[in-house]
C-alpha atoms as a PDB file:
ATOM      1  CA  GLU A   1     264.142 179.673 237.023  1.00  0.00           C
ATOM      2  CA  ALA A   2     262.754 181.531 240.222  1.00  0.00           C
ATOM      3  CA  ARG A   3     261.893 178.182 241.770  1.00  0.00           C
ATOM      4  CA  LEU A   4     265.275 176.561 240.538  1.00  0.00           C
ATOM      5  CA  GLY A   5     266.923 179.638 242.027  1.00  0.00           C
ATOM      6  CA  VAL A   6     265.068 178.977 245.675  1.00  0.00           C
ATOM      7  CA  LEU A   7     265.604 174.902 245.035  1.00  0.00           C
ATOM      8  CA  ARG A   8     269.380 175.359 244.609  1.00  0.00           C
ATOM      9  CA  ALA A   9     269.966 177.200 247.656  1.00  0.00           C
ATOM     10  CA  ASP A  10     268.194 175.072 249.578  1.00  0.00           C
ATOM     11  CA  VAL A  11     270.106 172.168 248.642  1.00  0.00           C
ATOM     12  CA  ALA A  12     273.449 174.221 248.906  1.00  0.00           C
ATOM     13  CA  SER A  13     271.781 174.882 252.555  1.00  0.00           C
ATOM     14  CA  GLN A  14     271.190 171.470 253.428  1.00  0.00           C
ATOM     15  CA  VAL A  15     274.524 170.694 252.460  1.00  0.00           C
ATOM     16  CA  ASP A  16     276.143 173.611 254.133  1.00  0.00           C
ATOM     17  CA  THR A  17     274.371 172.102 257.262  1.00  0.00           C
ATOM     18  CA  GLN A  18     274.920 168.673 256.907  1.00  0.00           C
ATOM     19  CA  HIS A  19     279.113 169.446 255.732  1.00  0.00           C
ATOM     20  CA  ALA A  20     278.752 171.053 259.104  1.00  0.00           C
ATOM     21  CA  ALA A  21     277.591 168.039 260.981  1.00  0.00           C
ATOM     22  CA  LEU A  22     279.510 165.885 259.459  1.00  0.00           C
ATOM     23  CA  ALA A  23     282.991 168.238 260.459  1.00  0.00           C
ATOM     24  CA  ALA A  24     281.387 168.816 264.027  1.00  0.00           C
ATOM     25  CA  ALA A  25     281.080 164.475 264.296  1.00  0.00           C
ATOM     26  CA  LEU A  26     284.878 163.860 262.671  1.00  0.00           C
ATOM     27  CA  GLU A  27     286.171 166.210 264.890  1.00  0.00           C
ATOM     28  CA  GLU A  28     284.552 164.646 267.912  1.00  0.00           C
ATOM     29  CA  LYS A  29     285.400 161.868 266.680  1.00  0.00           C
ATOM     30  CA  ALA A  30     289.216 162.709 267.056  1.00  0.00           C
ATOM     31  CA  GLY A  31     288.967 164.083 269.457  1.00  0.00           C
ATOM     32  CA  LYS A  32     287.664 160.873 271.245  1.00  0.00           C
ATOM     33  CA  ALA A  33     290.405 158.681 269.851  1.00  0.00           C
ATOM     34  CA  ALA A  34     293.179 160.963 271.045  1.00  0.00           C
ATOM     35  CA  VAL A  35     291.714 160.839 274.527  1.00  0.00           C
ATOM     36  CA  ASP A  36     291.468 157.416 273.636  1.00  0.00           C
ATOM     37  CA  HIS A  37     295.116 156.947 272.444  1.00  0.00           C
ATOM     38  CA  ASP A  38     296.226 159.047 275.429  1.00  0.00           C
ATOM     39  CA  MET A  39     294.137 156.667 278.326  1.00  0.00           C
ATOM     40  CA  GLU A  40     295.920 154.009 276.368  1.00  0.00           C
ATOM     41  CA  SER A  41     299.673 155.594 276.265  1.00  0.00           C
ATOM     42  CA  LEU A  42     298.968 156.366 279.915  1.00  0.00           C
ATOM     43  CA  ARG A  43     297.760 152.508 280.952  1.00  0.00           C
ATOM     44  CA  ARG A  44     300.658 151.001 279.370  1.00  0.00           C
ATOM     45  CA  ASP A  45     302.602 153.902 281.050  1.00  0.00           C
ATOM     46  CA  VAL A  46     301.145 152.703 284.655  1.00  0.00           C
ATOM     47  CA  GLU A  47     301.286 149.367 284.017  1.00  0.00           C
ATOM     48  CA  ALA A  48     305.129 149.654 283.022  1.00  0.00           C
ATOM     49  CA  ARG A  49     305.649 151.703 286.134  1.00  0.00           C
ATOM     50  CA  VAL A  50     303.688 148.754 288.527  1.00  0.00           C
ATOM     51  CA  GLY A  51     306.028 146.249 286.619  1.00  0.00           C
ATOM     52  CA  VAL A  52     308.491 147.897 287.848  1.00  0.00           C
ATOM     53  CA  TRP A  53     307.105 148.416 291.426  1.00  0.00           C
ATOM     54  CA  LYS A  54     306.458 144.867 291.632  1.00  0.00           C
ATOM     55  CA  THR A  55     309.992 143.635 290.502  1.00  0.00           C
ATOM     56  CA  ASP A  56     311.425 146.087 293.007  1.00  0.00           C
ATOM     57  CA  VAL A  57     309.044 144.717 295.941  1.00  0.00           C
ATOM     58  CA  LEU A  58     310.180 141.364 295.091  1.00  0.00           C
ATOM     59  CA  ALA A  59     313.613 142.038 294.879  1.00  0.00           C
ATOM     60  CA  GLN A  60     313.350 143.676 298.533  1.00  0.00           C
ATOM     61  CA  ALA A  61     311.362 140.728 299.877  1.00  0.00           C
ATOM     62  CA  ASP A  62     313.807 138.209 298.616  1.00  0.00           C
ATOM     63  CA  SER A  63     316.330 140.796 300.341  1.00  0.00           C
ATOM     64  CA  TYR A  64     314.621 140.353 303.444  1.00  0.00           C
ATOM     65  CA  HIS A  65     313.876 136.868 303.207  1.00  0.00           C
ATOM     66  CA  ALA A  66     317.883 135.894 302.898  1.00  0.00           C
ATOM     67  CA  ALA A  67     319.167 137.909 305.610  1.00  0.00           C
ATOM     68  CA  LEU A  68     316.303 136.715 308.185  1.00  0.00           C
ATOM     69  CA  THR A  69     317.289 133.365 306.963  1.00  0.00           C
ATOM     70  CA  ALA A  70     320.742 133.778 307.035  1.00  0.00           C
ATOM     71  CA  ALA A  71     320.365 135.309 310.823  1.00  0.00           C
ATOM     72  CA  LEU A  72     318.047 132.556 311.734  1.00  0.00           C
ATOM     73  CA  ASP A  73     320.836 130.058 310.857  1.00  0.00           C
ATOM     74  CA  GLU A  74     323.718 131.924 313.085  1.00  0.00           C
ATOM     75  CA  LYS A  75     321.055 132.216 315.832  1.00  0.00           C
ATOM     76  CA  ALA A  76     320.857 128.028 315.373  1.00  0.00           C
ATOM     77  CA  SER A  77     324.101 127.763 315.198  1.00  0.00           C
ATOM     78  CA  LYS A  78     324.861 129.805 318.195  1.00  0.00           C
ATOM     79  CA  ALA A  79     322.236 127.969 320.201  1.00  0.00           C
ATOM     80  CA  ALA A  80     323.948 124.430 319.273  1.00  0.00           C
ATOM     81  CA  MET A  81     327.330 125.762 320.428  1.00  0.00           C
ATOM     82  CA  HIS A  82     325.505 126.646 323.951  1.00  0.00           C
ATOM     83  CA  SER A  83     324.283 123.240 323.734  1.00  0.00           C
ATOM     84  CA  GLU A  84     326.909 121.546 323.219  1.00  0.00           C
ATOM     85  CA  ILE A  85     329.107 124.139 325.712  1.00  0.00           C
ATOM     86  CA  ASP A  86     326.688 123.121 328.373  1.00  0.00           C
ATOM     87  CA  SER A  87     326.730 119.228 327.414  1.00  0.00           C
ATOM     88  CA  VAL A  88     330.906 119.546 327.633  1.00  0.00           C
ATOM     89  CA  ARG A  89     330.407 122.167 330.734  1.00  0.00           C
ATOM     90  CA  GLY A  90     327.715 119.148 332.569  1.00  0.00           C
ATOM     91  CA  ASP A  91     330.187 116.545 331.486  1.00  0.00           C
ATOM     92  CA  VAL A  92     333.489 118.382 333.213  1.00  0.00           C
ATOM     93  CA  ASP A  93     331.261 119.047 336.356  1.00  0.00           C
ATOM     94  CA  ALA A  94     330.241 115.881 336.661  1.00  0.00           C
ATOM     95  CA  ARG A  95     333.854 114.425 336.198  1.00  0.00           C
ATOM     96  CA  VAL A  96     335.178 116.796 338.960  1.00  0.00           C
ATOM     97  CA  GLY A  97     332.623 115.705 341.228  1.00  0.00           C
ATOM     98  CA  MET A  98     333.463 112.210 341.084  1.00  0.00           C
ATOM     99  CA  LEU A  99     337.192 113.133 341.315  1.00  0.00           C
ATOM    100  CA  ARG A 100     336.383 115.340 344.848  1.00  0.00           C
ATOM    101  CA  ALA A 101     334.421 112.092 345.697  1.00  0.00           C
ATOM    102  CA  GLU A 102     337.304 109.737 345.107  1.00  0.00           C
ATOM    103  CA  ALA A 103     339.717 112.397 346.740  1.00  0.00           C
ATOM    104  CA  ALA A 104     337.656 112.762 349.864  1.00  0.00           C
ATOM    105  CA  SER A 105     336.948 108.769 350.430  1.00  0.00           C
ATOM    106  CA  GLN A 106     340.846 108.540 349.961  1.00  0.00           C
ATOM    107  CA  ALA A 107     341.205 110.993 352.473  1.00  0.00           C
END
């Protein structure tokens, strides 16, 4: 009976040791799972924020592109108008020159 008592105490000690090790391992695993969950949540949050940021940047780029295109179109329109005005001015100058020459020849 004494040996049986020692054996029972030894088995109980081993069970307690294994129980403590298992509890520690489960606690560590639960901690890692919580960290993994937090990291996954953080990753999704960052991806969502980057998505919003990309959308904002693309919207700004589209806006700047539209404004630049409008300004260039306006400038091209003004340049065409100036070219047309210069052409008319040249025609008027030529006509006035011809009229002066005709007036000078008749005088």
